[in-house]
Amino acid sequence: MTSDLLAPLDLAFWNIESAAHPMHLGALGVFSAHSPAAGAHAADLLAARAAAVPGLRMRIRDVWQPLAFGGATRESASDFDPLDHVRLHAPTADFHAVAGRLMERPLERDRPPWEAHVLPGEDGFSFAVLFKFHHALADGLRALTLAAAILDPMDLPERRPRPEQPAKGFFPDVRKLPDLVRGTVSDVGRALDIGASVALSTLGVRSSSALTAEPSGTRRTAGVVVDLDDVHRVRKAQGGTVNDVLIAVVAGALRRWLDERGDGSEGVAPRALIPVSRRRPRTAHPQGNRLSGYLMRLPVNDPDPLARLDTVRTAMDRNKDAGPNRGAGAVALLADHVPALGHRLGGPLVSQAARLWFDILVTSVPLPSLGLKLGGNPVVEVFPFAPLARGQSLAVAVSTYRGQVHYGLVADAEAVPDLDVLARAITEEVETLITACEA
């Protein structure tokens, strides 16, 4: 039986979870079906293929041994049964309604923490698959890799073998002690810098009560599809990056949504956490989360759509200049310097602190440009779903797939009964930006 210790950030995600506050991410793939039986066939394929994917057999076990006391490991489950994880549901006319209910259910912690729910469409010409992965098992990139392993094979370029890493001894090489001391001093300085930045980020902030809520344990999801060419039209006219435009769209949509629901957007500048992957291709650990983030205030209070975009672009440029290892958004890096037992004991406190750190998560999930299929049925839409932080009512994830941008929205169902209004506002904001660019 193979096993490996959880990286510190993975351990943090594992320990901040509770029944009312699950820490899994998800993706809802909508497929065009060749026949009404395609959904049932897809469920059979997923179960058959999952048995051959080592990463899907990994469960998480607590460790109470010296040097890892309070930690946890991923280990291969000898009793793994794919049928415990792949489930076929009754036909539905609303994939998102079912996905919302499924997203609110925590994954079973004594099994490999992932699930695939197949949802046949009532029309007989479509079906959807909701993948759920615990964030301790896989981040967005790793979850994509695991999901792709049970979809139809893709013609991908062959990867070069990862170089062997030398085994680490228990005692450090004395010749490296000066470097270790300098690294420790640097880490302390970085921690102080991050802590000061977090404190400063809370000054003069007006968020909105619509973005905060006591956890109800309920979830609602929605999806929005935007033409990538429209995003490029705005980018070419105003400069910046595609990601700048996508974040500005979120700011404008929040403004419309707050005004329509009567909360008002005047003076509102919520802090958005923009996760940044710190993986190094081919050399990064294949499973451990390597995340940092940027923190910025969304210019929800600004009535000018082009000014909002300019504010976002300026803030993102400033974050990139500073790098992902500094500033208030880099709090996740501090997980590397907390002992395993500290994560276990402090997990509940850390989860309570999310609302003090940021107001809304806006994350990007990469997807391959090649077409995804299952049983020969092509994916036509892919909506990523981010975990919802405790005390927050909304999270936004974005993916670009084959010429389209897919916004996946996850909300506390009791706090945000009007998630469809926000979804519509995203589409309207893209149209507004295009009109403003052409004026």
Protein backbone atom coordinates (compact mmCIF):
# COMPACT_ATOMS: atom_id res chain seq x y z
CA MET A 1 0.00 0.00 0.00
CA THR A 2 1.48 3.33 -1.07
CA SER A 3 1.10 6.53 0.96
CA ASP A 4 2.47 10.06 1.21
CA LEU A 5 2.11 12.85 3.73
CA LEU A 6 -0.28 15.67 2.91
CA ALA A 7 1.39 18.95 2.08
CA PRO A 8 0.68 21.68 4.69
CA LEU A 9 -1.93 23.48 2.59
CA ASP A 10 -3.72 20.20 1.82
CA LEU A 11 -3.75 19.43 5.55
CA ALA A 12 -5.23 22.87 6.21
CA PHE A 13 -8.07 22.24 3.73
CA TRP A 14 -8.72 18.84 5.35
CA ASN A 15 -8.98 20.31 8.85
CA ILE A 16 -11.13 23.38 8.20
CA GLU A 17 -13.99 21.30 6.83
CA SER A 18 -17.21 20.68 8.75
CA ALA A 19 -20.58 19.14 7.88
CA ALA A 20 -22.06 22.59 7.16
CA HIS A 21 -18.91 23.79 5.50
CA PRO A 22 -17.60 21.22 2.96
CA MET A 23 -14.27 21.93 1.28
CA HIS A 24 -14.70 20.23 -2.08
CA LEU A 25 -14.48 21.81 -5.49
CA GLY A 26 -16.56 20.70 -8.45
CA ALA A 27 -17.15 20.88 -12.16
CA LEU A 28 -20.38 20.37 -14.06
CA GLY A 29 -19.77 19.08 -17.57
CA VAL A 30 -22.75 19.15 -19.94
CA PHE A 31 -22.58 16.65 -22.81
CA SER A 32 -24.47 16.42 -26.07
CA ALA A 33 -25.95 12.89 -26.09
CA HIS A 34 -26.14 10.54 -29.07
CA SER A 35 -29.05 8.65 -27.52
CA PRO A 36 -31.32 8.66 -24.45
CA ALA A 37 -29.21 5.81 -23.01
CA ALA A 38 -25.97 7.82 -23.22
CA GLY A 39 -26.11 8.91 -19.57
CA ALA A 40 -26.40 5.36 -18.24
CA HIS A 41 -23.59 4.24 -20.55
CA ALA A 42 -21.45 7.16 -19.32
CA ALA A 43 -21.92 6.05 -15.70
CA ASP A 44 -20.77 2.54 -16.59
CA LEU A 45 -17.70 3.92 -18.38
CA LEU A 46 -16.74 6.18 -15.48
CA ALA A 47 -16.95 3.34 -12.96
CA ALA A 48 -14.97 0.95 -15.17
CA ARG A 49 -12.21 3.49 -15.87
CA ALA A 50 -11.95 4.79 -12.28
CA ALA A 51 -10.70 1.41 -11.09
CA ALA A 52 -7.55 1.85 -13.19
CA VAL A 53 -6.64 5.39 -12.02
CA PRO A 54 -4.32 5.26 -8.97
CA GLY A 55 -5.08 8.85 -7.92
CA LEU A 56 -8.77 8.01 -7.54
CA ARG A 57 -8.01 5.19 -5.10
CA MET A 58 -6.35 7.53 -2.58
CA ARG A 59 -8.04 8.01 0.78
CA ILE A 60 -6.85 10.34 3.53
CA ARG A 61 -5.82 8.92 6.90
CA ASP A 62 -4.83 10.67 10.11
CA VAL A 63 -1.27 10.18 11.36
CA TRP A 64 -0.28 10.09 15.02
CA GLN A 65 3.34 9.08 14.62
CA PRO A 66 6.43 11.04 15.71
CA LEU A 67 7.62 13.68 13.21
CA ALA A 68 4.13 13.79 11.64
CA PHE A 69 1.94 13.91 14.75
CA GLY A 70 -1.45 15.37 13.86
CA GLY A 71 -0.82 15.12 10.13
CA ALA A 72 -2.47 12.97 7.50
CA THR A 73 -1.47 10.86 4.52
CA ARG A 74 -2.88 9.86 1.19
CA GLU A 75 -2.87 6.10 0.92
CA SER A 76 -4.23 3.67 -1.61
CA ALA A 77 -7.51 2.12 -0.44
CA SER A 78 -7.34 -1.66 -0.73
CA ASP A 79 -11.15 -1.91 -0.59
CA PHE A 80 -11.75 0.77 -3.26
CA ASP A 81 -15.04 0.25 -5.13
CA PRO A 82 -15.81 2.69 -7.98
CA LEU A 83 -19.54 2.13 -7.46
CA ASP A 84 -19.21 3.95 -4.12
CA HIS A 85 -18.19 7.06 -6.07
CA VAL A 86 -20.01 6.98 -9.43
CA ARG A 87 -23.76 7.46 -9.19
CA LEU A 88 -26.48 7.56 -11.85
CA HIS A 89 -29.43 9.83 -11.06
CA ALA A 90 -32.95 10.15 -12.42
CA PRO A 91 -33.46 12.32 -15.52
CA THR A 92 -33.76 16.03 -14.84
CA ALA A 93 -34.66 19.18 -16.76
CA ASP A 94 -32.41 21.40 -14.61
CA PHE A 95 -28.80 20.27 -14.18
CA HIS A 96 -27.91 23.21 -11.92
CA ALA A 97 -30.80 22.58 -9.52
CA VAL A 98 -29.53 19.04 -8.91
CA ALA A 99 -25.89 20.13 -8.86
CA GLY A 100 -26.61 22.64 -6.11
CA ARG A 101 -28.12 19.99 -3.86
CA LEU A 102 -25.25 17.61 -4.54
CA MET A 103 -22.60 20.28 -3.88
CA GLU A 104 -23.94 20.84 -0.37
CA ARG A 105 -23.30 17.23 0.66
CA PRO A 106 -19.84 16.66 2.19
CA LEU A 107 -17.74 13.88 0.73
CA GLU A 108 -17.34 10.77 2.89
CA ARG A 109 -14.04 11.18 4.70
CA ASP A 110 -13.39 7.47 5.22
CA ARG A 111 -13.33 6.85 1.45
CA PRO A 112 -11.28 8.39 -1.37
CA PRO A 113 -12.83 11.91 -1.30
CA TRP A 114 -14.30 12.28 -4.77
CA GLU A 115 -17.58 11.58 -6.55
CA ALA A 116 -18.96 11.61 -10.10
CA HIS A 117 -22.71 12.14 -10.44
CA VAL A 118 -24.27 11.41 -13.84
CA LEU A 119 -27.44 13.40 -14.55
CA PRO A 120 -29.39 12.31 -17.66
CA GLY A 121 -31.36 15.08 -19.34
CA GLU A 122 -35.12 14.75 -19.64
CA ASP A 123 -34.83 15.75 -23.30
CA GLY A 124 -32.88 12.56 -24.10
CA PHE A 125 -30.31 14.56 -26.06
CA SER A 126 -28.03 15.64 -23.22
CA PHE A 127 -26.59 14.55 -19.91
CA ALA A 128 -24.31 16.14 -17.33
CA VAL A 129 -21.61 14.86 -15.01
CA LEU A 130 -20.89 16.63 -11.73
CA PHE A 131 -17.38 15.86 -10.49
CA LYS A 132 -16.59 16.58 -6.84
CA PHE A 133 -13.06 16.47 -5.43
CA HIS A 134 -11.99 17.38 -1.92
CA HIS A 135 -9.47 20.22 -2.03
CA ALA A 136 -7.12 18.12 0.11
CA LEU A 137 -7.07 15.47 -2.62
CA ALA A 138 -6.69 17.79 -5.59
CA ASP A 139 -6.63 21.46 -6.51
CA GLY A 140 -8.23 22.64 -9.74
CA LEU A 141 -5.40 21.48 -12.00
CA ARG A 142 -5.02 18.10 -10.32
CA ALA A 143 -8.81 17.56 -10.30
CA LEU A 144 -8.87 18.24 -14.03
CA THR A 145 -6.13 15.65 -14.54
CA LEU A 146 -8.02 13.03 -12.53
CA ALA A 147 -11.32 13.74 -14.29
CA ALA A 148 -9.66 13.62 -17.71
CA ALA A 149 -8.28 10.17 -16.84
CA ILE A 150 -11.80 8.70 -16.85
CA LEU A 151 -13.08 10.61 -19.87
CA ASP A 152 -12.33 9.43 -23.40
CA PRO A 153 -8.60 9.39 -24.19
CA MET A 154 -7.17 12.54 -25.77
CA ASP A 155 -4.24 12.78 -28.15
CA LEU A 156 -1.85 14.66 -25.89
CA PRO A 157 1.89 15.17 -26.43
CA GLU A 158 3.97 12.70 -24.48
CA ARG A 159 5.29 14.11 -21.22
CA ARG A 160 8.96 13.97 -20.38
CA PRO A 161 9.73 11.84 -17.30
CA ARG A 162 10.00 13.82 -14.07
CA PRO A 163 13.58 13.83 -12.76
CA GLU A 164 14.22 11.73 -9.67
CA GLN A 165 14.41 13.73 -6.44
CA PRO A 166 17.17 12.71 -4.02
CA ALA A 167 15.94 11.22 -0.76
CA LYS A 168 15.96 13.64 2.16
CA GLY A 169 17.69 12.55 5.34
CA PHE A 170 16.34 13.32 8.80
CA PHE A 171 19.28 15.56 9.71
CA PRO A 172 20.15 18.54 7.47
CA ASP A 173 23.47 18.74 5.67
CA VAL A 174 25.63 21.00 7.87
CA ARG A 175 27.10 22.56 4.73
CA LYS A 176 23.64 23.94 3.96
CA LEU A 177 23.00 25.44 7.39
CA PRO A 178 23.85 29.03 6.32
CA ASP A 179 21.33 28.75 3.49
CA LEU A 180 18.75 27.27 5.85
CA VAL A 181 19.24 30.14 8.31
CA ARG A 182 18.92 32.72 5.54
CA GLY A 183 15.80 30.94 4.28
CA THR A 184 14.26 30.95 7.76
CA VAL A 185 14.94 34.65 8.23
CA SER A 186 13.45 35.31 4.80
CA ASP A 187 10.36 33.27 5.71
CA VAL A 188 9.89 35.25 8.93
CA GLY A 189 10.15 38.51 7.00
CA ARG A 190 7.65 37.26 4.46
CA ALA A 191 5.21 36.22 7.19
CA LEU A 192 5.42 39.67 8.79
CA ASP A 193 4.91 41.32 5.41
CA ILE A 194 1.85 39.19 4.67
CA GLY A 195 0.40 39.79 8.14
CA ALA A 196 0.83 43.56 7.82
CA SER A 197 -0.75 43.51 4.36
CA VAL A 198 -3.76 41.58 5.66
CA ALA A 199 -4.22 44.13 8.46
CA LEU A 200 -3.99 47.05 6.02
CA SER A 201 -6.43 45.40 3.60
CA THR A 202 -9.19 45.54 6.23
CA LEU A 203 -8.95 49.31 6.64
CA GLY A 204 -11.59 51.47 5.02
CA VAL A 205 -13.34 48.52 3.39
CA ARG A 206 -17.04 48.51 2.77
CA SER A 207 -18.24 45.13 1.64
CA SER A 208 -21.90 44.17 1.45
CA SER A 209 -24.12 42.11 3.70
CA ALA A 210 -25.16 40.25 0.54
CA LEU A 211 -21.68 38.70 0.38
CA THR A 212 -21.62 37.46 3.99
CA ALA A 213 -23.84 34.91 5.69
CA GLU A 214 -23.85 32.44 8.51
CA PRO A 215 -23.39 28.99 6.92
CA SER A 216 -26.70 27.26 6.26
CA GLY A 217 -25.15 24.13 4.76
CA THR A 218 -27.17 24.67 1.58
CA ARG A 219 -25.87 25.35 -1.93
CA ARG A 220 -27.17 26.78 -5.16
CA THR A 221 -25.28 26.82 -8.47
CA ALA A 222 -25.62 28.67 -11.76
CA GLY A 223 -23.67 28.86 -14.98
CA VAL A 224 -23.09 31.57 -17.56
CA VAL A 225 -21.56 31.18 -21.03
CA VAL A 226 -19.82 34.14 -22.67
CA ASP A 227 -18.28 34.29 -26.15
CA LEU A 228 -14.48 34.50 -25.82
CA ASP A 229 -14.33 36.66 -28.96
CA ASP A 230 -16.39 39.31 -27.14
CA VAL A 231 -13.90 39.28 -24.27
CA HIS A 232 -11.02 39.70 -26.73
CA ARG A 233 -12.80 42.66 -28.36
CA VAL A 234 -12.84 44.45 -25.01
CA ARG A 235 -9.25 43.47 -24.25
CA LYS A 236 -7.96 44.72 -27.60
CA ALA A 237 -9.81 48.00 -27.23
CA GLN A 238 -8.79 48.71 -23.63
CA GLY A 239 -5.57 46.75 -23.06
CA GLY A 240 -4.74 44.40 -20.24
CA THR A 241 -5.39 40.67 -20.22
CA VAL A 242 -8.37 38.38 -20.73
CA ASN A 243 -8.33 37.70 -16.99
CA ASP A 244 -8.55 41.46 -16.29
CA VAL A 245 -11.71 41.65 -18.40
CA LEU A 246 -13.24 38.57 -16.74
CA ILE A 247 -12.67 40.01 -13.25
CA ALA A 248 -14.06 43.40 -14.30
CA VAL A 249 -17.17 41.62 -15.56
CA VAL A 250 -17.63 40.14 -12.07
CA ALA A 251 -17.31 43.62 -10.52
CA GLY A 252 -19.90 45.07 -12.88
CA ALA A 253 -22.27 42.13 -12.42
CA LEU A 254 -22.06 42.47 -8.63
CA ARG A 255 -22.97 46.14 -8.97
CA ARG A 256 -26.07 45.33 -11.04
CA TRP A 257 -27.05 42.52 -8.70
CA LEU A 258 -26.69 44.58 -5.50
CA ASP A 259 -28.66 47.46 -6.96
CA GLU A 260 -31.43 45.21 -8.27
CA ARG A 261 -31.88 43.38 -4.98
CA GLY A 262 -31.99 46.71 -3.12
CA ASP A 263 -28.75 46.42 -1.16
CA GLY A 264 -27.11 49.24 -3.11
CA SER A 265 -23.60 49.44 -4.55
CA GLU A 266 -22.58 52.91 -3.40
CA GLY A 267 -19.22 52.81 -1.64
CA VAL A 268 -18.96 49.02 -1.96
CA ALA A 269 -15.47 47.68 -2.74
CA PRO A 270 -15.35 44.02 -1.66
CA ARG A 271 -11.98 42.30 -1.35
CA ALA A 272 -11.60 39.58 -3.98
CA LEU A 273 -9.12 36.76 -3.50
CA ILE A 274 -7.63 35.69 -6.84
CA PRO A 275 -5.83 32.33 -6.32
CA VAL A 276 -2.50 31.88 -8.12
CA SER A 277 -1.03 28.46 -8.82
CA ARG A 278 2.63 28.09 -7.83
CA ARG A 279 3.09 24.75 -9.56
CA ARG A 280 6.14 24.35 -11.74
CA PRO A 281 5.31 22.24 -14.81
CA ARG A 282 6.84 18.75 -14.81
CA THR A 283 8.72 19.30 -11.56
CA ALA A 284 5.97 20.16 -9.07
CA HIS A 285 4.62 17.58 -6.67
CA PRO A 286 1.89 15.76 -8.61
CA GLN A 287 -0.70 16.00 -5.84
CA GLY A 288 0.09 18.68 -3.27
CA ASN A 289 -1.63 22.05 -3.51
CA ARG A 290 0.79 24.85 -4.38
CA LEU A 291 -1.31 28.00 -4.11
CA SER A 292 -0.86 31.63 -3.31
CA GLY A 293 -3.11 34.50 -4.27
CA TYR A 294 -3.65 38.13 -5.11
CA LEU A 295 -6.00 40.32 -3.09
CA MET A 296 -7.74 43.26 -4.70
CA ARG A 297 -10.75 45.46 -4.12
CA LEU A 298 -13.40 45.08 -6.79
CA PRO A 299 -14.56 48.54 -7.97
CA VAL A 300 -18.25 47.71 -7.54
CA ASN A 301 -18.97 51.29 -6.48
CA ASP A 302 -17.74 52.81 -9.79
CA PRO A 303 -20.61 53.44 -12.27
CA ASP A 304 -18.28 53.60 -15.31
CA PRO A 305 -17.65 50.12 -16.83
CA LEU A 306 -14.39 51.16 -18.53
CA ALA A 307 -13.13 52.80 -15.35
CA ARG A 308 -13.89 49.57 -13.48
CA LEU A 309 -11.81 47.65 -16.02
CA ASP A 310 -8.95 50.14 -15.70
CA THR A 311 -9.02 49.81 -11.91
CA VAL A 312 -8.90 46.02 -12.13
CA ARG A 313 -6.04 46.11 -14.65
CA THR A 314 -4.01 48.49 -12.49
CA ALA A 315 -4.57 46.37 -9.36
CA MET A 316 -3.62 43.16 -11.14
CA ASP A 317 -0.49 44.76 -12.61
CA ARG A 318 0.51 45.88 -9.12
CA ASN A 319 -0.06 42.38 -7.74
CA LYS A 320 1.97 40.78 -10.52
CA ASP A 321 4.84 43.22 -9.98
CA ALA A 322 4.93 42.28 -6.29
CA GLY A 323 4.65 38.57 -7.12
CA PRO A 324 2.54 35.78 -5.57
CA ASN A 325 4.81 35.44 -2.52
CA ARG A 326 3.99 38.80 -0.98
CA GLY A 327 0.98 40.80 0.07
CA ALA A 328 -2.30 39.94 1.77
CA GLY A 329 -3.30 37.42 -0.87
CA ALA A 330 -0.33 35.19 -0.02
CA VAL A 331 -1.73 34.04 3.34
CA ALA A 332 -1.92 30.46 2.02
CA LEU A 333 1.89 30.37 2.01
CA LEU A 334 1.92 30.60 5.80
CA ALA A 335 0.49 27.07 5.93
CA ASP A 336 3.97 25.76 5.11
CA HIS A 337 5.27 27.05 8.45
CA VAL A 338 2.58 25.60 10.73
CA PRO A 339 3.24 22.16 12.29
CA ALA A 340 0.79 19.36 11.50
CA LEU A 341 -0.77 19.41 14.96
CA GLY A 342 -1.24 23.17 14.64
CA HIS A 343 -3.33 22.63 11.50
CA ARG A 344 -5.45 20.07 13.27
CA LEU A 345 -6.07 22.18 16.39
CA GLY A 346 -6.31 25.52 14.59
CA GLY A 347 -8.40 24.43 11.61
CA PRO A 348 -11.77 25.55 13.05
CA LEU A 349 -10.32 28.96 13.97
CA VAL A 350 -8.77 29.42 10.52
CA SER A 351 -12.04 28.63 8.80
CA GLN A 352 -13.77 31.32 10.87
CA ALA A 353 -11.17 33.89 9.76
CA ALA A 354 -11.91 33.71 6.02
CA ARG A 355 -14.40 36.58 6.15
CA LEU A 356 -11.77 38.78 7.83
CA TRP A 357 -9.34 38.11 4.99
CA PHE A 358 -11.49 38.42 1.86
CA ASP A 359 -15.13 38.87 0.83
CA ILE A 360 -15.40 36.83 -2.36
CA LEU A 361 -13.33 34.25 -4.21
CA VAL A 362 -12.80 34.72 -7.96
CA THR A 363 -10.71 31.90 -9.41
CA SER A 364 -9.71 30.62 -12.84
CA VAL A 365 -9.58 26.90 -13.64
CA PRO A 366 -7.56 25.85 -16.71
CA LEU A 367 -9.11 23.50 -19.27
CA PRO A 368 -7.52 21.79 -22.27
CA SER A 369 -8.18 23.29 -25.69
CA LEU A 370 -8.85 19.82 -27.08
CA GLY A 371 -12.46 18.65 -27.10
CA LEU A 372 -13.49 16.49 -24.13
CA LYS A 373 -15.75 13.49 -24.71
CA LEU A 374 -17.29 10.64 -22.74
CA GLY A 375 -18.46 7.57 -24.63
CA GLY A 376 -18.07 9.60 -27.80
CA ASN A 377 -20.46 12.27 -26.52
CA PRO A 378 -18.83 15.74 -26.66
CA VAL A 379 -18.68 18.22 -23.79
CA VAL A 380 -20.51 21.40 -24.80
CA GLU A 381 -20.28 23.32 -21.49
CA VAL A 382 -18.03 23.08 -18.42
CA PHE A 383 -18.86 25.04 -15.27
CA PRO A 384 -16.22 25.01 -12.49
CA PHE A 385 -17.37 25.35 -8.87
CA ALA A 386 -15.10 26.65 -6.11
CA PRO A 387 -15.42 25.80 -2.39
CA LEU A 388 -17.43 28.36 -0.47
CA ALA A 389 -15.52 29.90 2.44
CA ARG A 390 -17.19 29.93 5.84
CA GLY A 391 -19.17 33.10 6.42
CA GLN A 392 -19.32 34.00 2.73
CA SER A 393 -22.32 33.63 0.48
CA LEU A 394 -20.79 33.54 -3.01
CA ALA A 395 -17.80 32.18 -4.95
CA VAL A 396 -17.02 32.57 -8.65
CA ALA A 397 -14.92 30.25 -10.83
CA VAL A 398 -14.13 30.78 -14.51
CA SER A 399 -12.93 28.46 -17.28
CA THR A 400 -12.24 29.02 -20.96
CA TYR A 401 -13.16 26.12 -23.21
CA ARG A 402 -13.19 25.97 -27.02
CA GLY A 403 -13.97 29.60 -27.72
CA GLN A 404 -16.29 30.18 -24.78
CA VAL A 405 -15.91 31.45 -21.22
CA HIS A 406 -17.85 29.54 -18.58
CA TYR A 407 -18.64 31.24 -15.27
CA GLY A 408 -19.54 28.80 -12.50
CA LEU A 409 -21.34 30.40 -9.54
CA VAL A 410 -21.74 28.74 -6.13
CA ALA A 411 -23.78 30.36 -3.38
CA ASP A 412 -25.29 29.65 -0.01
CA ALA A 413 -28.83 28.82 -1.14
CA GLU A 414 -30.52 30.57 1.79
CA ALA A 415 -28.38 33.72 1.55
CA VAL A 416 -28.62 34.03 -2.25
CA PRO A 417 -32.02 32.86 -3.49
CA ASP A 418 -31.61 35.15 -6.52
CA LEU A 419 -28.42 33.67 -7.99
CA ASP A 420 -30.10 33.66 -11.41
CA VAL A 421 -30.20 37.47 -11.24
CA LEU A 422 -26.43 37.60 -10.79
CA ALA A 423 -25.97 35.13 -13.65
CA ARG A 424 -28.02 37.35 -15.94
CA ALA A 425 -26.05 40.38 -14.80
CA ILE A 426 -22.80 38.77 -16.01
CA THR A 427 -24.17 38.50 -19.54
CA GLU A 428 -25.46 42.08 -19.39
CA GLU A 429 -22.10 43.38 -18.15
CA VAL A 430 -20.25 41.86 -21.12
CA GLU A 431 -22.69 43.57 -23.47
CA THR A 432 -22.22 46.86 -21.60
CA LEU A 433 -18.42 46.68 -21.91
CA ILE A 434 -18.66 45.99 -25.65
CA THR A 435 -21.01 48.94 -26.12
CA ALA A 436 -18.74 51.22 -24.07
CA CYS A 437 -15.71 50.18 -26.14
CA GLU A 438 -17.51 50.99 -29.38
CA ALA A 439 -18.83 54.36 -28.21
